[in-house]
Amino acid sequence: ILIFPGGSEIGLEIRRALEYQKYINIYGATSTDDHTQVMYKKIINLPYIHEEDFINRLNSAIKEYCIDYIFPAYDQVQCFLMKNKDKIAAHIISADVKTVLLCRDKMKTYEFLGDKWYIPKYYLNKDSQYAGFAQSEKQKSHHKTVQYRPLAHFLPDAQATFAFARRPVVARFHCYA
């Protein structure tokens, strides 16, 4: 099993889940200096996924270390591997590429799930009268999330809030009893 990137929090969780399975050899792959060097006994250094020779180097490592399965442990890696799965010499443990792309985009996910009671109401208009939270639609939930105040009352703050995102999502969360 190859976990890539091995040093991400998801990669470390996968390693912890599998580390005592005696019939599995776990390799951590990395493109940078991170926790992979400390947490894995078997380490494979790979180029970054956007580098031209990434797939060739990945396939060489798969052959050299007899890797049967790859656990992508970062959303961009998962997306890249699934888009290129036909070029990769190991099975990728992941949902299909359509699902991966859907889950990476907050607005597409909301639109796909429709008007269910458990989906937060969202506004694409910065002039929303409601307070809430704003974040870039393709970021992790903790990246660049800011509290949003109604524009009518806090014009300077609202303008600063939206300066970071090309198409921010403003969500108003409801509690249901």
Protein backbone atom coordinates (compact mmCIF):
# COMPACT_ATOMS: atom_id res chain seq x y z
CA ILE A 1 0.00 0.00 0.00
CA LEU A 2 1.27 3.47 -0.87
CA ILE A 3 -0.12 6.43 1.07
CA PHE A 4 0.46 9.71 -0.75
CA PRO A 5 1.15 12.21 0.64
CA GLY A 6 2.08 10.21 3.69
CA GLY A 7 2.66 13.20 5.93
CA SER A 8 -0.77 14.81 5.54
CA GLU A 9 -3.18 14.42 8.43
CA ILE A 10 -5.31 12.09 6.30
CA GLY A 11 -2.21 10.09 5.36
CA LEU A 12 -1.22 9.73 8.99
CA GLU A 13 -4.75 8.58 9.89
CA ILE A 14 -4.68 5.94 7.14
CA ARG A 15 -1.27 4.76 8.37
CA ARG A 16 -2.56 4.49 11.95
CA ALA A 17 -5.56 2.49 10.74
CA LEU A 18 -3.39 -0.01 8.85
CA GLU A 19 -0.13 -0.14 10.80
CA TYR A 20 -0.87 -3.37 12.71
CA GLN A 21 -2.14 -5.36 9.73
CA LYS A 22 0.52 -8.01 9.33
CA TYR A 23 -0.20 -8.77 5.65
CA ILE A 24 0.19 -5.19 4.46
CA ASN A 25 3.41 -3.36 3.64
CA ILE A 26 2.86 0.36 4.10
CA TYR A 27 4.90 2.92 2.19
CA GLY A 28 4.61 6.64 2.75
CA ALA A 29 5.27 8.81 -0.27
CA THR A 30 6.19 12.47 -0.10
CA SER A 31 7.27 15.32 -2.32
CA THR A 32 8.59 17.47 0.52
CA ASP A 33 10.14 17.26 3.98
CA ASP A 34 7.28 16.48 6.34
CA HIS A 35 6.11 13.92 8.92
CA THR A 36 6.54 11.11 6.39
CA GLN A 37 10.23 10.77 7.29
CA VAL A 38 9.37 10.37 10.98
CA MET A 39 6.19 8.29 10.83
CA TYR A 40 6.93 5.70 8.14
CA LYS A 41 9.55 2.95 8.08
CA LYS A 42 9.35 2.74 4.28
CA ILE A 43 9.52 6.04 2.41
CA ILE A 44 9.28 6.84 -1.30
CA ASN A 45 10.26 10.29 -2.52
CA LEU A 46 8.25 11.51 -5.49
CA PRO A 47 8.17 14.75 -7.46
CA TYR A 48 5.19 17.07 -7.07
CA ILE A 49 2.11 15.97 -9.04
CA HIS A 50 2.35 18.95 -11.41
CA GLU A 51 5.89 18.04 -12.48
CA GLU A 52 6.25 16.54 -15.94
CA ASP A 53 7.84 13.24 -14.90
CA PHE A 54 5.52 12.54 -11.93
CA ILE A 55 3.56 9.64 -13.49
CA ASN A 56 6.72 7.96 -14.82
CA ARG A 57 8.43 8.23 -11.42
CA LEU A 58 5.28 7.02 -9.64
CA ASN A 59 5.05 3.99 -11.95
CA SER A 60 8.75 3.23 -11.41
CA ALA A 61 8.19 3.25 -7.64
CA ILE A 62 5.08 1.08 -8.02
CA LYS A 63 7.11 -1.50 -9.94
CA GLU A 64 10.19 -1.33 -7.70
CA TYR A 65 8.27 -1.66 -4.42
CA CYS A 66 5.46 -3.93 -5.70
CA ILE A 67 2.72 -1.45 -4.83
CA ASP A 68 -0.79 -2.76 -5.53
CA TYR A 69 -2.89 0.08 -4.07
CA ILE A 70 -2.54 3.81 -3.59
CA PHE A 71 -4.44 5.75 -0.93
CA PRO A 72 -4.54 9.42 -2.01
CA ALA A 73 -4.35 11.45 1.19
CA TYR A 74 -4.92 14.98 -0.13
CA ASP A 75 -7.75 16.28 -2.30
CA GLN A 76 -5.57 17.66 -5.10
CA VAL A 77 -3.57 14.42 -5.25
CA GLN A 78 -6.78 12.39 -5.29
CA CYS A 79 -8.17 14.48 -8.15
CA PHE A 80 -4.93 14.21 -10.16
CA LEU A 81 -4.57 10.46 -9.64
CA MET A 82 -8.19 9.77 -10.58
CA LYS A 83 -7.94 11.89 -13.73
CA ASN A 84 -4.84 9.89 -14.70
CA LYS A 85 -5.81 6.47 -13.31
CA ASP A 86 -5.45 4.77 -16.72
CA LYS A 87 -1.77 5.79 -16.81
CA ILE A 88 -1.00 4.56 -13.29
CA ALA A 89 0.15 0.96 -12.69
CA ALA A 90 -1.64 0.47 -9.34
CA HIS A 91 -5.24 0.62 -8.16
CA ILE A 92 -6.27 3.93 -6.62
CA ILE A 93 -8.53 3.67 -3.60
CA SER A 94 -10.97 6.47 -4.28
CA ALA A 95 -14.39 7.40 -5.48
CA ASP A 96 -14.73 7.98 -9.23
CA VAL A 97 -13.43 11.26 -10.67
CA LYS A 98 -16.95 12.72 -11.05
CA THR A 99 -17.59 12.29 -7.32
CA VAL A 100 -14.15 13.62 -6.41
CA LEU A 101 -14.71 16.78 -8.46
CA LEU A 102 -18.20 17.23 -7.03
CA CYS A 103 -16.95 16.99 -3.45
CA ARG A 104 -14.14 19.50 -4.05
CA ASP A 105 -16.59 22.24 -5.05
CA LYS A 106 -18.91 23.49 -2.32
CA MET A 107 -21.44 25.08 -4.70
CA LYS A 108 -21.64 21.99 -6.94
CA THR A 109 -22.15 19.85 -3.84
CA TYR A 110 -24.94 22.11 -2.57
CA GLU A 111 -26.57 22.17 -6.00
CA PHE A 112 -26.31 18.37 -6.31
CA LEU A 113 -27.88 17.79 -2.89
CA GLY A 114 -30.64 20.25 -3.66
CA ASP A 115 -33.00 21.91 -1.25
CA LYS A 116 -32.75 19.42 1.62
CA TRP A 117 -33.40 20.61 5.18
CA TYR A 118 -29.84 19.76 6.25
CA ILE A 119 -28.14 21.82 3.54
CA PRO A 120 -27.19 25.32 4.72
CA LYS A 121 -28.86 28.19 2.95
CA TYR A 122 -26.31 29.97 0.83
CA TYR A 123 -26.13 33.31 -0.87
CA LEU A 124 -23.93 34.30 -3.76
CA ASN A 125 -24.80 37.93 -3.28
CA LYS A 126 -22.50 39.88 -0.98
CA ASP A 127 -25.42 42.18 -0.21
CA SER A 128 -27.09 39.47 1.87
CA GLN A 129 -28.96 40.82 4.85
CA TYR A 130 -27.95 37.83 6.97
CA ALA A 131 -24.85 37.25 9.04
CA GLY A 132 -22.94 34.05 8.37
CA PHE A 133 -19.59 32.75 7.21
CA ALA A 134 -17.85 33.28 3.90
CA GLN A 135 -15.20 31.12 2.30
CA SER A 136 -13.75 30.38 -1.09
CA GLU A 137 -15.77 27.62 -2.76
CA LYS A 138 -12.79 25.31 -3.44
CA GLN A 139 -10.94 25.58 -0.15
CA LYS A 140 -10.94 23.34 2.86
CA SER A 141 -13.41 24.40 5.51
CA HIS A 142 -10.72 25.94 7.72
CA HIS A 143 -8.88 27.86 4.98
CA LYS A 144 -9.72 31.54 4.60
CA THR A 145 -13.08 31.26 6.33
CA VAL A 146 -14.25 34.54 7.77
CA GLN A 147 -17.26 35.63 9.71
CA TYR A 148 -19.54 37.69 7.53
CA ARG A 149 -21.66 40.55 8.78
CA PRO A 150 -24.54 42.08 6.84
CA LEU A 151 -23.18 44.49 4.25
CA ALA A 152 -25.71 47.19 5.05
CA HIS A 153 -24.35 47.53 8.59
CA PHE A 154 -20.65 46.86 8.11
CA LEU A 155 -19.69 48.02 4.63
CA PRO A 156 -15.88 48.23 5.16
CA ASP A 157 -15.73 44.84 6.92
CA ALA A 158 -17.87 43.17 4.27
CA GLN A 159 -15.68 44.49 1.47
CA ALA A 160 -12.58 43.13 3.22
CA THR A 161 -14.35 39.83 3.80
CA PHE A 162 -14.90 39.30 0.09
CA ALA A 163 -11.50 40.52 -1.05
CA PHE A 164 -9.95 37.03 -0.71
CA ALA A 165 -12.39 35.06 -2.85
CA ARG A 166 -13.30 35.37 -6.50
CA ARG A 167 -16.70 33.74 -5.90
CA PRO A 168 -17.34 33.50 -2.16
CA VAL A 169 -20.04 31.36 -0.64
CA VAL A 170 -21.94 32.93 2.22
CA ALA A 171 -23.70 30.32 4.29
CA ARG A 172 -26.29 30.81 6.98
CA PHE A 173 -26.54 27.73 9.13
CA HIS A 174 -29.81 26.74 10.74
CA CYS A 175 -30.34 24.62 13.84
CA TYR A 176 -33.31 22.26 13.74
CA ALA A 177 -34.76 20.79 16.91
